[in-house]
C-alpha cells in the first residue's frame, strides 16, 4: 500500500514489543528511532502531595491564546533535542524544528491539545483530555536559561489542577528513555512507570 501510494516514510510503534516482532521489522529494513517511557500518576494523589508542600511556587501560570503563538513558537524551537525527530535521519534539523512549531500552532488552535498553559517567555505545558477520565500531558518544557527554578513543577501543578477541574482521574506523560533529566523529573513528582514503547521507522 505504501509503495502504491508513493509514501516516503513509514512508522511502526509497538507497545511492549516482542523480540520476534522486532526481528521481523528489522528484516524489512525498519530501524529503531525511539524508545518511549509512559509514566502515570493519580490526580488525587498528586494534589494531596501538592497540598502538603510547605513552599508553593510563585510562578504565574496562564492560559495561552492565539496571541501567545509567536512567542511560544520561538521558545519551543530548540527545546526538545531528545525528540525522536532530531535523532531520526529521515528528518533534517529544520524539519524537526518546524514540526515542533507546527505542533504548537495546532495545540493553541485546539487540534491536538485542549489547553496550553504557559509561564510567558519561560515555559509551557500542553494538556489533552482522553477517554476513561485519563489526561495526557503531550509536551512540557522550560527554556534552558530558566531551568532549575522549579518552573517545571509550577507548570505540572497547574496542569494537574486543570485536569482535576475536568474530573480527570489519572494523568499520563511520555518521555524518551534517553532523556534522563525528564525521567528524573517525573519520578521526583511521584509518577510511576506504566509501560514503554518502541518506534521503528522505514524510509521508502
N, C-alpha and C. Protein backbone atom coordinates (compact mmCIF):
# COMPACT_ATOMS: atom_id res chain seq x y z
N UNK A 1 0.83 -1.22 0.00
CA UNK A 1 0.00 0.00 0.00
C UNK A 1 0.86 1.25 0.00
N UNK A 2 1.92 1.23 0.81
CA UNK A 2 2.81 2.38 0.86
C UNK A 2 3.48 2.62 -0.49
N UNK A 3 3.89 1.56 -1.13
CA UNK A 3 4.51 1.70 -2.45
C UNK A 3 3.50 2.24 -3.46
N UNK A 4 2.28 1.72 -3.43
CA UNK A 4 1.25 2.15 -4.38
C UNK A 4 0.91 3.63 -4.21
N UNK A 5 0.96 4.08 -2.98
CA UNK A 5 0.63 5.48 -2.69
C UNK A 5 1.86 6.37 -2.67
N UNK A 6 3.00 5.77 -2.98
CA UNK A 6 4.27 6.50 -3.07
C UNK A 6 4.61 7.23 -1.77
N UNK A 7 4.43 6.52 -0.66
CA UNK A 7 4.84 7.07 0.62
C UNK A 7 6.37 7.15 0.68
N UNK A 8 6.85 8.15 1.39
CA UNK A 8 8.30 8.29 1.59
C UNK A 8 8.76 7.69 2.91
N UNK A 9 7.82 7.50 3.84
CA UNK A 9 8.24 7.21 5.22
C UNK A 9 7.13 6.44 5.93
N UNK A 10 7.49 5.41 6.68
CA UNK A 10 6.53 4.62 7.44
C UNK A 10 7.01 4.52 8.88
N UNK A 11 6.06 4.61 9.81
CA UNK A 11 6.37 4.48 11.23
C UNK A 11 5.56 3.34 11.81
N UNK A 12 6.20 2.52 12.64
CA UNK A 12 5.52 1.43 13.34
C UNK A 12 5.84 1.55 14.82
N UNK A 13 4.82 1.75 15.63
CA UNK A 13 5.03 1.91 17.07
C UNK A 13 4.49 0.67 17.79
N UNK A 14 5.34 0.06 18.59
CA UNK A 14 4.99 -1.17 19.28
C UNK A 14 4.98 -0.95 20.79
N UNK A 15 3.90 -1.36 21.45
CA UNK A 15 3.84 -1.30 22.89
C UNK A 15 4.32 -2.63 23.46
N UNK A 16 5.25 -2.58 24.39
CA UNK A 16 5.84 -3.78 24.99
C UNK A 16 6.16 -4.83 23.92
N UNK A 17 6.99 -4.49 22.96
CA UNK A 17 7.22 -5.36 21.81
C UNK A 17 7.94 -6.66 22.16
N UNK A 18 7.67 -7.66 21.35
CA UNK A 18 8.32 -8.95 21.49
C UNK A 18 9.49 -9.04 20.52
N UNK A 19 10.47 -9.85 20.89
CA UNK A 19 11.71 -9.95 20.12
C UNK A 19 11.46 -10.36 18.68
N UNK A 20 10.51 -11.30 18.47
CA UNK A 20 10.27 -11.77 17.10
C UNK A 20 9.67 -10.68 16.21
N UNK A 21 8.88 -9.79 16.82
CA UNK A 21 8.31 -8.66 16.05
C UNK A 21 9.41 -7.69 15.65
N UNK A 22 10.32 -7.43 16.58
CA UNK A 22 11.44 -6.53 16.29
C UNK A 22 12.31 -7.10 15.17
N UNK A 23 12.59 -8.40 15.26
CA UNK A 23 13.42 -9.03 14.22
C UNK A 23 12.74 -8.97 12.86
N UNK A 24 11.42 -9.13 12.84
CA UNK A 24 10.69 -9.06 11.58
C UNK A 24 10.79 -7.67 10.96
N UNK A 25 10.59 -6.64 11.78
CA UNK A 25 10.69 -5.27 11.28
C UNK A 25 12.09 -4.98 10.77
N UNK A 26 13.10 -5.40 11.51
CA UNK A 26 14.48 -5.14 11.10
C UNK A 26 14.81 -5.88 9.80
N UNK A 27 14.22 -7.06 9.61
CA UNK A 27 14.47 -7.81 8.37
C UNK A 27 13.88 -7.11 7.16
N UNK A 28 12.88 -6.24 7.41
CA UNK A 28 12.24 -5.50 6.32
C UNK A 28 12.84 -4.10 6.14
N UNK A 29 13.90 -3.82 6.89
CA UNK A 29 14.59 -2.55 6.72
C UNK A 29 14.21 -1.46 7.70
N UNK A 30 13.32 -1.76 8.65
CA UNK A 30 12.97 -0.77 9.67
C UNK A 30 14.14 -0.58 10.63
N UNK A 31 14.29 0.63 11.15
CA UNK A 31 15.32 0.91 12.15
C UNK A 31 14.67 1.54 13.38
N UNK A 32 15.29 1.31 14.54
CA UNK A 32 14.76 1.85 15.79
C UNK A 32 15.00 3.35 15.82
N UNK A 33 13.93 4.12 15.98
CA UNK A 33 14.06 5.58 16.02
C UNK A 33 13.72 6.17 17.38
N UNK A 34 13.11 5.37 18.27
CA UNK A 34 12.79 5.94 19.58
C UNK A 34 12.37 4.83 20.54
N UNK A 35 12.73 5.01 21.82
CA UNK A 35 12.19 4.19 22.91
C UNK A 35 11.50 5.15 23.87
N UNK A 36 10.19 4.99 24.03
CA UNK A 36 9.43 5.88 24.88
C UNK A 36 9.03 5.22 26.19
N UNK A 37 8.99 5.99 27.25
CA UNK A 37 8.58 5.51 28.57
C UNK A 37 7.32 6.26 28.97
N UNK A 38 6.26 5.51 29.32
CA UNK A 38 4.98 6.11 29.68
C UNK A 38 4.85 6.12 31.20
N UNK A 39 4.67 7.31 31.75
CA UNK A 39 4.53 7.50 33.20
C UNK A 39 3.08 7.80 33.54
N UNK A 40 2.68 7.45 34.76
CA UNK A 40 1.29 7.63 35.18
C UNK A 40 1.23 8.08 36.64
N UNK A 41 0.24 8.92 36.94
CA UNK A 41 0.00 9.30 38.33
C UNK A 41 -1.48 9.56 38.53
N UNK A 42 -1.96 9.28 39.72
CA UNK A 42 -3.34 9.56 40.11
C UNK A 42 -3.47 11.04 40.46
N UNK A 43 -4.50 11.69 39.95
CA UNK A 43 -4.67 13.13 40.18
C UNK A 43 -4.82 13.45 41.66
N UNK A 44 -5.65 12.70 42.37
CA UNK A 44 -5.85 12.98 43.79
C UNK A 44 -4.56 12.78 44.58
N UNK A 45 -3.79 11.78 44.18
CA UNK A 45 -2.51 11.54 44.86
C UNK A 45 -1.57 12.72 44.66
N UNK A 46 -1.52 13.23 43.45
CA UNK A 46 -0.65 14.38 43.17
C UNK A 46 -1.11 15.60 43.97
N UNK A 47 -2.41 15.87 43.94
CA UNK A 47 -2.93 17.04 44.64
C UNK A 47 -2.72 16.93 46.14
N UNK A 48 -2.78 15.72 46.67
CA UNK A 48 -2.52 15.52 48.09
C UNK A 48 -1.08 15.89 48.44
N UNK A 49 -0.15 15.48 47.59
CA UNK A 49 1.25 15.84 47.81
C UNK A 49 1.45 17.34 47.69
N UNK A 50 0.75 17.93 46.72
CA UNK A 50 0.85 19.37 46.47
C UNK A 50 0.38 20.16 47.69
N UNK A 51 -0.73 19.71 48.32
CA UNK A 51 -1.28 20.42 49.47
C UNK A 51 -0.35 20.32 50.68
N UNK A 52 0.44 19.25 50.76
CA UNK A 52 1.33 19.07 51.91
C UNK A 52 2.61 19.87 51.79
N UNK A 53 2.89 20.40 50.63
CA UNK A 53 4.14 21.14 50.45
C UNK A 53 4.12 22.42 51.27
N UNK A 54 5.24 22.70 51.90
CA UNK A 54 5.33 23.92 52.70
C UNK A 54 5.57 25.14 51.84
N UNK A 55 6.38 25.00 50.81
CA UNK A 55 6.69 26.14 49.94
C UNK A 55 6.02 25.98 48.59
N UNK A 56 5.17 26.90 48.25
CA UNK A 56 4.49 26.88 46.96
C UNK A 56 5.24 27.77 45.97
N UNK A 57 5.18 27.42 44.72
CA UNK A 57 5.83 28.21 43.68
C UNK A 57 5.10 29.54 43.51
N UNK A 58 5.87 30.58 43.22
CA UNK A 58 5.26 31.89 42.98
C UNK A 58 5.14 32.18 41.49
N UNK A 59 5.55 31.24 40.63
CA UNK A 59 5.46 31.46 39.19
C UNK A 59 3.99 31.57 38.78
N UNK A 60 3.71 32.53 37.92
CA UNK A 60 2.35 32.75 37.44
C UNK A 60 2.16 31.96 36.14
N UNK A 61 1.20 31.03 36.18
CA UNK A 61 0.90 30.21 35.00
C UNK A 61 -0.43 30.68 34.43
N UNK A 62 -0.44 30.98 33.14
CA UNK A 62 -1.64 31.48 32.49
C UNK A 62 -2.01 30.60 31.30
N UNK A 63 -3.25 30.74 30.85
CA UNK A 63 -3.70 30.02 29.67
C UNK A 63 -3.24 30.76 28.42
N UNK A 64 -2.60 30.04 27.51
CA UNK A 64 -2.11 30.66 26.28
C UNK A 64 -3.25 30.84 25.29
N UNK A 65 -3.14 31.86 24.47
CA UNK A 65 -4.11 32.13 23.42
C UNK A 65 -3.38 32.27 22.09
N UNK A 66 -4.12 32.53 21.04
CA UNK A 66 -3.51 32.67 19.72
C UNK A 66 -2.51 33.82 19.70
N UNK A 67 -2.72 34.82 20.57
CA UNK A 67 -1.78 35.94 20.65
C UNK A 67 -0.43 35.50 21.22
N UNK A 68 -0.42 34.36 21.91
CA UNK A 68 0.82 33.84 22.51
C UNK A 68 1.63 33.00 21.54
N UNK A 69 1.04 32.70 20.37
CA UNK A 69 1.63 31.70 19.48
C UNK A 69 3.05 32.04 19.04
N UNK A 70 3.27 33.25 18.59
CA UNK A 70 4.59 33.62 18.08
C UNK A 70 5.66 33.43 19.14
N UNK A 71 5.35 33.87 20.35
CA UNK A 71 6.31 33.73 21.45
C UNK A 71 6.57 32.27 21.78
N UNK A 72 5.52 31.45 21.82
CA UNK A 72 5.66 30.04 22.14
C UNK A 72 6.42 29.30 21.05
N UNK A 73 6.17 29.65 19.80
CA UNK A 73 6.92 29.02 18.72
C UNK A 73 8.40 29.38 18.80
N UNK A 74 8.69 30.56 19.30
CA UNK A 74 10.07 30.99 19.43
C UNK A 74 10.83 30.21 20.48
N UNK A 75 10.14 29.85 21.58
CA UNK A 75 10.85 29.15 22.64
C UNK A 75 10.84 27.63 22.45
N UNK A 76 9.88 27.11 21.67
CA UNK A 76 9.81 25.66 21.50
C UNK A 76 10.87 25.14 20.55
N UNK A 77 11.32 25.98 19.64
CA UNK A 77 12.21 25.52 18.57
C UNK A 77 13.44 24.75 19.07
N UNK A 78 14.19 25.24 20.05
CA UNK A 78 15.38 24.50 20.49
C UNK A 78 15.15 23.65 21.75
N UNK A 79 13.90 23.49 22.15
CA UNK A 79 13.62 22.98 23.49
C UNK A 79 13.70 21.46 23.63
N UNK A 80 13.52 20.70 22.56
CA UNK A 80 13.39 19.25 22.68
C UNK A 80 14.43 18.50 21.85
N UNK A 81 15.71 18.65 22.19
CA UNK A 81 16.76 17.97 21.41
C UNK A 81 16.72 16.46 21.52
N UNK A 82 16.03 15.93 22.54
CA UNK A 82 15.91 14.49 22.70
C UNK A 82 14.74 13.89 21.94
N UNK A 83 13.96 14.74 21.30
CA UNK A 83 12.83 14.26 20.50
C UNK A 83 13.33 13.30 19.41
N UNK A 84 12.54 12.28 19.12
CA UNK A 84 12.95 11.30 18.11
C UNK A 84 13.13 11.93 16.74
N UNK A 85 12.50 13.06 16.51
CA UNK A 85 12.60 13.69 15.19
C UNK A 85 13.99 14.24 14.93
N UNK A 86 14.73 14.54 16.00
CA UNK A 86 16.10 15.03 15.83
C UNK A 86 17.10 13.89 15.68
N UNK A 87 16.73 12.71 16.13
CA UNK A 87 17.65 11.57 16.00
C UNK A 87 17.31 10.68 14.82
N UNK A 88 16.14 10.88 14.22
CA UNK A 88 15.74 10.08 13.06
C UNK A 88 16.35 10.71 11.80
N UNK A 89 17.18 9.98 11.07
CA UNK A 89 17.85 10.55 9.90
C UNK A 89 16.91 10.98 8.78
N UNK A 90 15.65 10.55 8.84
CA UNK A 90 14.70 10.96 7.81
C UNK A 90 14.42 12.46 7.87
N UNK A 91 14.50 13.04 9.08
CA UNK A 91 14.17 14.45 9.27
C UNK A 91 15.44 15.29 9.35
N UNK A 92 15.43 16.41 8.65
CA UNK A 92 16.52 17.36 8.79
C UNK A 92 16.31 18.18 10.06
N UNK A 93 17.32 18.93 10.47
CA UNK A 93 17.20 19.79 11.65
C UNK A 93 16.06 20.79 11.47
N UNK A 94 16.00 21.41 10.30
CA UNK A 94 14.94 22.39 10.05
C UNK A 94 13.56 21.75 10.08
N UNK A 95 13.46 20.55 9.52
CA UNK A 95 12.16 19.86 9.51
C UNK A 95 11.71 19.52 10.93
N UNK A 96 12.66 19.08 11.77
CA UNK A 96 12.32 18.79 13.16
C UNK A 96 11.90 20.06 13.90
N UNK A 97 12.60 21.15 13.65
CA UNK A 97 12.23 22.45 14.25
C UNK A 97 10.82 22.84 13.83
N UNK A 98 10.57 22.77 12.54
CA UNK A 98 9.27 23.19 12.00
C UNK A 98 8.14 22.31 12.50
N UNK A 99 8.43 21.02 12.70
CA UNK A 99 7.41 20.11 13.20
C UNK A 99 6.94 20.54 14.58
N UNK A 100 7.88 20.89 15.46
CA UNK A 100 7.50 21.31 16.81
C UNK A 100 6.77 22.66 16.78
N UNK A 101 7.17 23.53 15.89
CA UNK A 101 6.48 24.82 15.78
C UNK A 101 5.04 24.63 15.29
N UNK A 102 4.87 23.72 14.34
CA UNK A 102 3.52 23.42 13.83
C UNK A 102 2.69 22.75 14.92
N UNK A 103 3.34 21.89 15.71
CA UNK A 103 2.64 21.24 16.80
C UNK A 103 2.11 22.26 17.80
N UNK A 104 2.92 23.28 18.09
CA UNK A 104 2.46 24.32 18.99
C UNK A 104 1.27 25.07 18.41
N UNK A 105 1.33 25.37 17.13
CA UNK A 105 0.20 26.05 16.49
C UNK A 105 -1.08 25.22 16.60
N UNK A 106 -0.97 23.93 16.32
CA UNK A 106 -2.14 23.05 16.39
C UNK A 106 -2.63 22.88 17.82
N UNK A 107 -1.72 22.97 18.78
CA UNK A 107 -2.12 22.88 20.19
C UNK A 107 -2.91 24.11 20.60
N UNK A 108 -2.42 25.28 20.24
CA UNK A 108 -3.11 26.53 20.56
C UNK A 108 -4.50 26.56 19.92
N UNK A 109 -4.61 26.00 18.72
CA UNK A 109 -5.88 26.03 17.99
C UNK A 109 -6.81 24.90 18.41
N UNK A 110 -6.39 24.07 19.36
CA UNK A 110 -7.25 23.03 19.89
C UNK A 110 -7.32 21.76 19.07
N UNK A 111 -6.41 21.60 18.11
CA UNK A 111 -6.46 20.42 17.24
C UNK A 111 -5.79 19.21 17.89
N UNK A 112 -4.73 19.41 18.64
CA UNK A 112 -4.02 18.29 19.25
C UNK A 112 -3.93 18.41 20.78
N UNK A 113 -4.44 19.50 21.33
CA UNK A 113 -4.46 19.70 22.78
C UNK A 113 -5.71 20.48 23.14
N UNK A 114 -6.14 20.31 24.38
CA UNK A 114 -7.31 21.05 24.85
C UNK A 114 -6.94 22.40 25.45
N UNK A 115 -5.71 22.49 25.97
CA UNK A 115 -5.27 23.75 26.56
C UNK A 115 -3.75 23.80 26.53
N UNK A 116 -3.22 25.00 26.40
CA UNK A 116 -1.79 25.25 26.56
C UNK A 116 -1.64 26.22 27.72
N UNK A 117 -0.93 25.79 28.74
CA UNK A 117 -0.65 26.65 29.89
C UNK A 117 0.79 27.12 29.80
N UNK A 118 1.04 28.36 30.20
CA UNK A 118 2.38 28.92 30.00
C UNK A 118 2.83 29.79 31.16
N UNK A 119 4.13 29.85 31.32
CA UNK A 119 4.79 30.90 32.08
C UNK A 119 5.43 31.75 30.99
N UNK A 120 4.82 32.88 30.64
CA UNK A 120 5.22 33.60 29.43
C UNK A 120 6.72 33.80 29.28
N UNK A 121 7.23 33.36 28.13
CA UNK A 121 8.63 33.52 27.81
C UNK A 121 9.56 32.53 28.48
N UNK A 122 9.00 31.65 29.33
CA UNK A 122 9.86 30.76 30.11
C UNK A 122 9.53 29.28 29.95
N UNK A 123 8.26 28.94 29.73
CA UNK A 123 7.92 27.53 29.61
C UNK A 123 6.43 27.34 29.35
N UNK A 124 6.06 26.09 29.09
CA UNK A 124 4.66 25.78 28.76
C UNK A 124 4.39 24.31 28.99
N UNK A 125 3.11 23.96 29.03
CA UNK A 125 2.67 22.57 29.07
C UNK A 125 1.39 22.47 28.25
N UNK A 126 1.26 21.40 27.47
CA UNK A 126 0.06 21.18 26.67
C UNK A 126 -0.69 19.97 27.21
N UNK A 127 -2.01 20.10 27.36
CA UNK A 127 -2.82 19.08 28.02
C UNK A 127 -3.97 18.63 27.13
N UNK A 128 -4.28 17.34 27.21
CA UNK A 128 -5.35 16.76 26.41
C UNK A 128 -6.16 15.79 27.26
N UNK A 129 -7.49 15.95 27.26
CA UNK A 129 -8.38 15.01 27.93
C UNK A 129 -8.61 13.80 27.02
N UNK A 130 -8.48 12.61 27.60
CA UNK A 130 -8.68 11.38 26.84
C UNK A 130 -9.88 10.64 27.40
N UNK A 131 -10.15 9.45 26.85
CA UNK A 131 -11.27 8.65 27.33
C UNK A 131 -10.98 8.05 28.70
N UNK A 132 -12.04 7.60 29.37
CA UNK A 132 -11.93 6.92 30.66
C UNK A 132 -11.29 7.79 31.74
N UNK A 133 -11.55 9.10 31.66
CA UNK A 133 -11.09 10.06 32.67
C UNK A 133 -9.56 10.07 32.82
N UNK A 134 -8.90 9.90 31.68
CA UNK A 134 -7.44 9.97 31.64
C UNK A 134 -7.03 11.27 30.96
N UNK A 135 -6.05 11.92 31.52
CA UNK A 135 -5.49 13.12 30.91
C UNK A 135 -4.09 12.84 30.41
N UNK A 136 -3.70 13.56 29.38
CA UNK A 136 -2.37 13.35 28.82
C UNK A 136 -1.63 14.67 28.72
N UNK A 137 -0.42 14.69 29.26
CA UNK A 137 0.47 15.83 29.05
C UNK A 137 1.29 15.51 27.81
N UNK A 138 1.06 16.27 26.75
CA UNK A 138 1.69 15.96 25.48
C UNK A 138 3.10 16.52 25.43
N UNK A 139 3.25 17.78 25.79
CA UNK A 139 4.57 18.40 25.83
C UNK A 139 4.66 19.29 27.06
N UNK A 140 5.82 19.29 27.69
CA UNK A 140 6.10 20.22 28.77
C UNK A 140 7.57 20.60 28.66
N UNK A 141 7.85 21.88 28.77
CA UNK A 141 9.23 22.31 28.63
C UNK A 141 9.48 23.67 29.24
N UNK A 142 10.73 23.88 29.65
CA UNK A 142 11.17 25.16 30.21
C UNK A 142 12.40 25.61 29.44
N UNK A 143 12.44 26.87 29.11
CA UNK A 143 13.60 27.44 28.42
C UNK A 143 14.86 27.18 29.24
N UNK A 144 15.92 26.80 28.58
CA UNK A 144 17.13 26.33 29.26
C UNK A 144 17.64 27.30 30.32
N UNK A 145 17.66 28.58 30.03
CA UNK A 145 18.22 29.55 30.98
C UNK A 145 17.37 29.71 32.24
N UNK A 146 16.14 29.20 32.22
CA UNK A 146 15.27 29.33 33.39
C UNK A 146 15.10 28.00 34.13
N UNK A 147 15.83 26.97 33.72
CA UNK A 147 15.71 25.68 34.39
C UNK A 147 16.38 25.72 35.76
N UNK A 148 15.96 24.82 36.63
CA UNK A 148 16.50 24.79 37.98
C UNK A 148 15.81 25.75 38.93
N UNK A 149 14.69 26.34 38.51
CA UNK A 149 13.97 27.29 39.35
C UNK A 149 12.57 26.78 39.73
N UNK A 150 12.33 25.50 39.54
CA UNK A 150 11.04 24.88 39.88
C UNK A 150 9.91 25.30 38.95
N UNK A 151 10.24 25.84 37.78
CA UNK A 151 9.19 26.25 36.86
C UNK A 151 8.48 25.04 36.25
N UNK A 152 9.22 23.97 36.00
CA UNK A 152 8.59 22.75 35.51
C UNK A 152 7.57 22.22 36.49
N UNK A 153 7.90 22.29 37.77
CA UNK A 153 6.96 21.86 38.82
C UNK A 153 5.73 22.78 38.84
N UNK A 154 5.93 24.07 38.64
CA UNK A 154 4.80 25.00 38.61
C UNK A 154 3.86 24.68 37.44
N UNK A 155 4.44 24.38 36.29
CA UNK A 155 3.63 24.02 35.13
C UNK A 155 2.86 22.72 35.38
N UNK A 156 3.53 21.76 36.01
CA UNK A 156 2.87 20.50 36.31
C UNK A 156 1.74 20.69 37.31
N UNK A 157 1.98 21.49 38.35
CA UNK A 157 0.93 21.78 39.33
C UNK A 157 -0.30 22.37 38.64
N UNK A 158 -0.07 23.32 37.74
CA UNK A 158 -1.17 23.99 37.05
C UNK A 158 -1.92 23.02 36.16
N UNK A 159 -1.19 22.15 35.49
CA UNK A 159 -1.84 21.20 34.57
C UNK A 159 -2.67 20.18 35.35
N UNK A 160 -2.15 19.70 36.49
CA UNK A 160 -2.92 18.74 37.29
C UNK A 160 -4.18 19.40 37.84
N UNK A 161 -4.07 20.64 38.27
CA UNK A 161 -5.24 21.37 38.75
C UNK A 161 -6.26 21.52 37.63
N UNK A 162 -5.79 21.84 36.42
CA UNK A 162 -6.70 21.96 35.27
C UNK A 162 -7.39 20.64 34.99
N UNK A 163 -6.65 19.55 34.99
CA UNK A 163 -7.25 18.23 34.76
C UNK A 163 -8.28 17.91 35.83
N UNK A 164 -7.96 18.23 37.08
CA UNK A 164 -8.88 17.96 38.18
C UNK A 164 -10.20 18.69 38.00
N UNK A 165 -10.13 19.90 37.51
CA UNK A 165 -11.35 20.69 37.26
C UNK A 165 -12.25 20.03 36.23
N UNK A 166 -11.68 19.18 35.38
CA UNK A 166 -12.46 18.47 34.36
C UNK A 166 -12.66 17.00 34.73
N UNK A 167 -12.50 16.69 36.03
CA UNK A 167 -12.80 15.37 36.58
C UNK A 167 -11.93 14.25 36.00
N UNK A 168 -10.74 14.62 35.57
CA UNK A 168 -9.76 13.61 35.13
C UNK A 168 -9.21 12.91 36.38
N UNK A 169 -9.09 11.60 36.32
CA UNK A 169 -8.67 10.82 37.48
C UNK A 169 -7.18 10.46 37.47
N UNK A 170 -6.61 10.29 36.30
CA UNK A 170 -5.19 9.94 36.23
C UNK A 170 -4.56 10.63 35.02
N UNK A 171 -3.26 10.85 35.12
CA UNK A 171 -2.54 11.59 34.08
C UNK A 171 -1.36 10.75 33.61
N UNK A 172 -1.18 10.73 32.31
CA UNK A 172 -0.02 10.04 31.76
C UNK A 172 0.81 11.01 30.94
N UNK A 173 2.08 10.69 30.86
CA UNK A 173 3.00 11.50 30.07
C UNK A 173 4.09 10.58 29.55
N UNK A 174 4.57 10.87 28.38
CA UNK A 174 5.58 10.03 27.75
C UNK A 174 6.87 10.82 27.55
N UNK A 175 7.98 10.16 27.82
CA UNK A 175 9.27 10.77 27.54
C UNK A 175 10.19 9.74 26.90
N UNK A 176 11.29 10.23 26.34
CA UNK A 176 12.24 9.32 25.72
C UNK A 176 13.12 8.68 26.80
N UNK A 177 13.45 7.41 26.60
CA UNK A 177 14.29 6.69 27.55
C UNK A 177 15.63 7.38 27.74
N UNK A 178 16.14 8.00 26.67
CA UNK A 178 17.45 8.64 26.76
C UNK A 178 17.42 9.99 27.45
N UNK A 179 16.22 10.50 27.72
CA UNK A 179 16.09 11.81 28.36
C UNK A 179 16.11 11.63 29.89
N UNK A 180 17.30 11.50 30.44
CA UNK A 180 17.46 11.19 31.86
C UNK A 180 16.88 12.30 32.74
N UNK A 181 17.07 13.56 32.35
CA UNK A 181 16.55 14.67 33.16
C UNK A 181 15.04 14.59 33.29
N UNK A 182 14.36 14.31 32.18
CA UNK A 182 12.89 14.21 32.21
C UNK A 182 12.45 13.00 33.04
N UNK A 183 13.16 11.90 32.89
CA UNK A 183 12.83 10.69 33.67
C UNK A 183 12.92 11.00 35.17
N UNK A 184 13.98 11.67 35.58
CA UNK A 184 14.13 12.01 37.00
C UNK A 184 13.09 13.01 37.44
N UNK A 185 12.70 13.93 36.57
CA UNK A 185 11.68 14.94 36.88
C UNK A 185 10.36 14.27 37.24
N UNK A 186 9.91 13.34 36.40
CA UNK A 186 8.63 12.68 36.66
C UNK A 186 8.71 11.77 37.89
N UNK A 187 9.84 11.13 38.09
CA UNK A 187 9.99 10.27 39.26
C UNK A 187 9.89 11.08 40.54
N UNK A 188 10.54 12.24 40.58
CA UNK A 188 10.51 13.08 41.78
C UNK A 188 9.11 13.63 42.06
N UNK A 189 8.30 13.77 41.01
CA UNK A 189 6.94 14.27 41.20
C UNK A 189 5.97 13.18 41.64
N UNK A 190 6.44 11.94 41.68
CA UNK A 190 5.58 10.85 42.15
C UNK A 190 5.00 9.99 41.05
N UNK A 191 5.35 10.27 39.79
CA UNK A 191 4.88 9.43 38.69
C UNK A 191 5.55 8.06 38.78
N UNK A 192 4.87 7.04 38.28
CA UNK A 192 5.45 5.71 38.20
C UNK A 192 5.38 5.23 36.74
N UNK A 193 6.31 4.36 36.38
CA UNK A 193 6.36 3.86 35.00
C UNK A 193 5.22 2.87 34.78
N UNK A 194 4.41 3.12 33.76
CA UNK A 194 3.28 2.27 33.42
C UNK A 194 3.61 1.29 32.30
N UNK A 195 4.36 1.78 31.31
CA UNK A 195 4.61 0.96 30.13
C UNK A 195 5.75 1.59 29.35
N UNK A 196 6.11 0.96 28.25
CA UNK A 196 7.08 1.54 27.34
C UNK A 196 6.72 1.16 25.92
N UNK A 197 7.23 1.88 24.96
CA UNK A 197 7.01 1.51 23.57
C UNK A 197 8.28 1.75 22.76
N UNK A 198 8.32 1.16 21.60
CA UNK A 198 9.46 1.32 20.69
C UNK A 198 8.91 1.74 19.33
N UNK A 199 9.55 2.74 18.75
CA UNK A 199 9.14 3.23 17.44
C UNK A 199 10.19 2.85 16.40
N UNK A 200 9.73 2.22 15.35
CA UNK A 200 10.59 1.83 14.23
C UNK A 200 10.18 2.60 12.99
N UNK A 201 11.15 2.98 12.19
CA UNK A 201 10.89 3.79 11.01
C UNK A 201 11.48 3.12 9.77
N UNK A 202 10.89 3.43 8.64
CA UNK A 202 11.37 2.92 7.36
C UNK A 202 11.28 4.03 6.33
N UNK A 203 12.41 4.30 5.69
CA UNK A 203 12.43 5.25 4.60
C UNK A 203 12.26 4.46 3.30
N UNK A 204 11.22 4.81 2.56
CA UNK A 204 10.88 4.06 1.34
C UNK A 204 11.85 4.40 0.20
